[in-house]
Amino acid sequence: MFDIIDKYGYKNYDYLEDVLSYTLKKLGIDNATFSLILTDDEEVAFLNKTYRNIDRTTDVLSFALNDGGSFPGPINVLGDIYISIPKMKEQAIEYGHSEKRELSFLAVHGLLHLLGYDHTLGEKEEKEMFDLQKEILNEKGIID
């Protein structure tokens, strides 16, 4: 169970529900909730500066409530994912991807962070997370 909140007015994300639901199912998670917020560079830059002390925008930010552990109770409240739509569009062009592929990648990336995956811990963790992202997107037919 999750909400997609389109603060940007992007509107072209109907496939994300399927991609995110598939990711949860693949990982055996059936009692989780989170929010995915589609927004602009300004909001993401503000959040990045406020919570990470990094004074610039970025593509995706994940705010995990439980750092990959379980939340006590019948529903695991994971947290929030913020995606900058302008940054996503820029990266889609830069990497030669469709916007669908780039937005799906960022959404899955953010969700994996909420679930405790962290590519910044080392090469092994980075490979595990990026291989899983690629596998999920390929299985859903969202390829480069």
Protein backbone atom coordinates (compact mmCIF):
# COMPACT_ATOMS: atom_id res chain seq x y z
CA MET A 1 0.00 0.00 0.00
CA PHE A 2 1.52 3.27 -1.06
CA ASP A 3 0.59 6.71 -2.31
CA ILE A 4 1.98 8.51 -5.33
CA ILE A 5 1.68 12.25 -4.82
CA ASP A 6 2.21 14.31 -7.98
CA LYS A 7 3.10 17.78 -6.71
CA TYR A 8 4.82 18.58 -10.01
CA GLY A 9 1.90 17.89 -12.35
CA TYR A 10 3.81 15.25 -14.32
CA LYS A 11 0.80 12.93 -14.76
CA ASN A 12 2.71 10.38 -16.90
CA TYR A 13 3.42 7.77 -14.21
CA ASP A 14 0.54 5.28 -14.36
CA TYR A 15 3.03 2.37 -14.73
CA LEU A 16 4.77 3.15 -11.41
CA GLU A 17 2.12 1.47 -9.29
CA ASP A 18 2.78 -1.82 -11.10
CA VAL A 19 6.58 -1.45 -10.90
CA LEU A 20 6.56 -0.65 -7.18
CA SER A 21 4.00 -3.36 -6.34
CA TYR A 22 6.12 -5.86 -8.27
CA THR A 23 9.23 -4.79 -6.36
CA LEU A 24 7.52 -5.34 -3.01
CA LYS A 25 6.12 -8.70 -4.10
CA LYS A 26 9.51 -9.85 -5.47
CA LEU A 27 11.11 -9.05 -2.12
CA GLY A 28 8.34 -10.79 -0.16
CA ILE A 29 6.99 -7.63 1.45
CA ASP A 30 3.23 -7.49 1.79
CA ASN A 31 2.58 -5.27 4.79
CA ALA A 32 4.40 -2.04 3.94
CA THR A 33 3.32 1.51 3.24
CA PHE A 34 5.22 4.51 1.91
CA SER A 35 4.75 7.67 -0.11
CA LEU A 36 6.36 8.59 -3.42
CA ILE A 37 6.34 12.34 -4.06
CA LEU A 38 6.99 13.70 -7.56
CA THR A 39 8.22 17.25 -7.17
CA ASP A 40 10.60 19.91 -8.49
CA ASP A 41 14.30 20.71 -8.15
CA GLU A 42 13.65 23.43 -5.57
CA GLU A 43 11.92 21.15 -3.08
CA VAL A 44 14.49 18.37 -3.49
CA ALA A 45 17.35 20.89 -3.11
CA PHE A 46 15.72 22.26 0.06
CA LEU A 47 15.33 18.76 1.52
CA ASN A 48 18.87 17.82 0.51
CA LYS A 49 20.27 20.95 2.21
CA THR A 50 18.05 20.63 5.30
CA TYR A 51 18.50 16.93 6.01
CA ARG A 52 21.82 16.03 4.35
CA ASN A 53 23.63 19.39 4.43
CA ILE A 54 24.24 19.10 0.67
CA ASP A 55 23.41 22.40 -1.02
CA ARG A 56 22.20 21.21 -4.43
CA THR A 57 19.39 19.29 -6.01
CA THR A 58 19.53 15.58 -6.71
CA ASP A 59 17.38 13.06 -8.54
CA VAL A 60 15.92 11.04 -5.67
CA LEU A 61 15.88 11.26 -1.89
CA SER A 62 14.63 8.55 0.44
CA PHE A 63 13.66 9.22 4.04
CA ALA A 64 13.41 5.88 5.80
CA LEU A 65 11.54 5.79 9.07
CA ASN A 66 13.09 2.54 10.23
CA ASP A 67 16.36 2.16 8.27
CA GLY A 68 15.33 -1.15 6.72
CA GLY A 69 14.11 -2.75 9.95
CA SER A 70 10.58 -3.65 10.87
CA PHE A 71 8.14 -1.15 12.25
CA PRO A 72 6.19 -2.54 15.22
CA GLY A 73 2.59 -3.28 14.31
CA PRO A 74 0.67 -4.88 11.47
CA ILE A 75 1.90 -2.41 8.82
CA ASN A 76 5.52 -1.56 8.15
CA VAL A 77 5.68 2.21 7.60
CA LEU A 78 8.74 2.65 5.38
CA GLY A 79 8.95 6.41 4.82
CA ASP A 80 8.96 8.81 1.87
CA ILE A 81 10.65 8.98 -1.52
CA TYR A 82 11.06 12.34 -3.29
CA ILE A 83 11.86 12.44 -7.01
CA SER A 84 12.74 15.62 -8.87
CA ILE A 85 10.89 15.44 -12.19
CA PRO A 86 13.12 18.06 -13.90
CA LYS A 87 16.25 16.14 -12.82
CA MET A 88 14.67 12.86 -13.98
CA LYS A 89 13.92 14.37 -17.40
CA GLU A 90 17.47 15.76 -17.66
CA GLN A 91 18.99 12.37 -16.78
CA ALA A 92 16.73 10.50 -19.21
CA ILE A 93 18.18 12.64 -22.01
CA GLU A 94 21.74 12.43 -20.65
CA TYR A 95 21.65 8.61 -20.35
CA GLY A 96 19.64 8.05 -23.54
CA HIS A 97 16.74 6.46 -21.63
CA SER A 98 13.02 6.98 -21.91
CA GLU A 99 11.44 9.00 -19.10
CA LYS A 100 9.53 5.83 -18.18
CA ARG A 101 12.78 3.95 -17.67
CA GLU A 102 14.46 6.75 -15.72
CA LEU A 103 11.46 7.40 -13.45
CA SER A 104 11.01 3.65 -12.84
CA PHE A 105 14.70 3.33 -11.98
CA LEU A 106 14.56 6.24 -9.53
CA ALA A 107 11.36 4.94 -7.89
CA VAL A 108 12.78 1.43 -7.44
CA HIS A 109 16.10 2.91 -6.24
CA GLY A 110 14.29 5.01 -3.64
CA LEU A 111 12.16 2.07 -2.50
CA LEU A 112 15.21 -0.16 -2.08
CA HIS A 113 16.78 2.53 0.11
CA LEU A 114 13.64 2.53 2.28
CA LEU A 115 14.02 -1.24 2.57
CA GLY A 116 17.59 -0.94 3.86
CA TYR A 117 19.67 -1.32 0.70
CA ASP A 118 22.56 1.13 0.59
CA HIS A 119 24.94 1.37 -2.37
CA THR A 120 27.16 3.82 -0.50
CA LEU A 121 28.48 1.17 1.91
CA GLY A 122 30.88 -0.44 -0.56
CA GLU A 123 31.31 -2.16 -3.91
CA LYS A 124 29.52 -5.35 -2.83
CA GLU A 125 26.45 -3.43 -1.61
CA GLU A 126 26.45 -1.21 -4.69
CA LYS A 127 26.57 -4.21 -7.03
CA GLU A 128 23.81 -5.98 -5.12
CA MET A 129 21.49 -2.97 -5.20
CA PHE A 130 22.13 -2.01 -8.83
CA ASP A 131 21.84 -5.62 -10.03
CA LEU A 132 18.50 -5.94 -8.23
CA GLN A 133 17.24 -2.67 -9.75
CA LYS A 134 18.22 -3.81 -13.23
CA GLU A 135 16.65 -7.23 -12.68
CA ILE A 136 13.34 -5.69 -11.56
CA LEU A 137 13.20 -3.29 -14.50
CA ASN A 138 14.09 -6.04 -16.98
CA GLU A 139 11.46 -8.37 -15.53
CA LYS A 140 8.88 -5.60 -15.96
CA GLY A 141 10.03 -5.01 -19.54
CA ILE A 142 11.47 -1.59 -18.77
CA ILE A 143 14.87 -1.76 -20.42
CA ASP A 144 17.53 0.75 -21.43
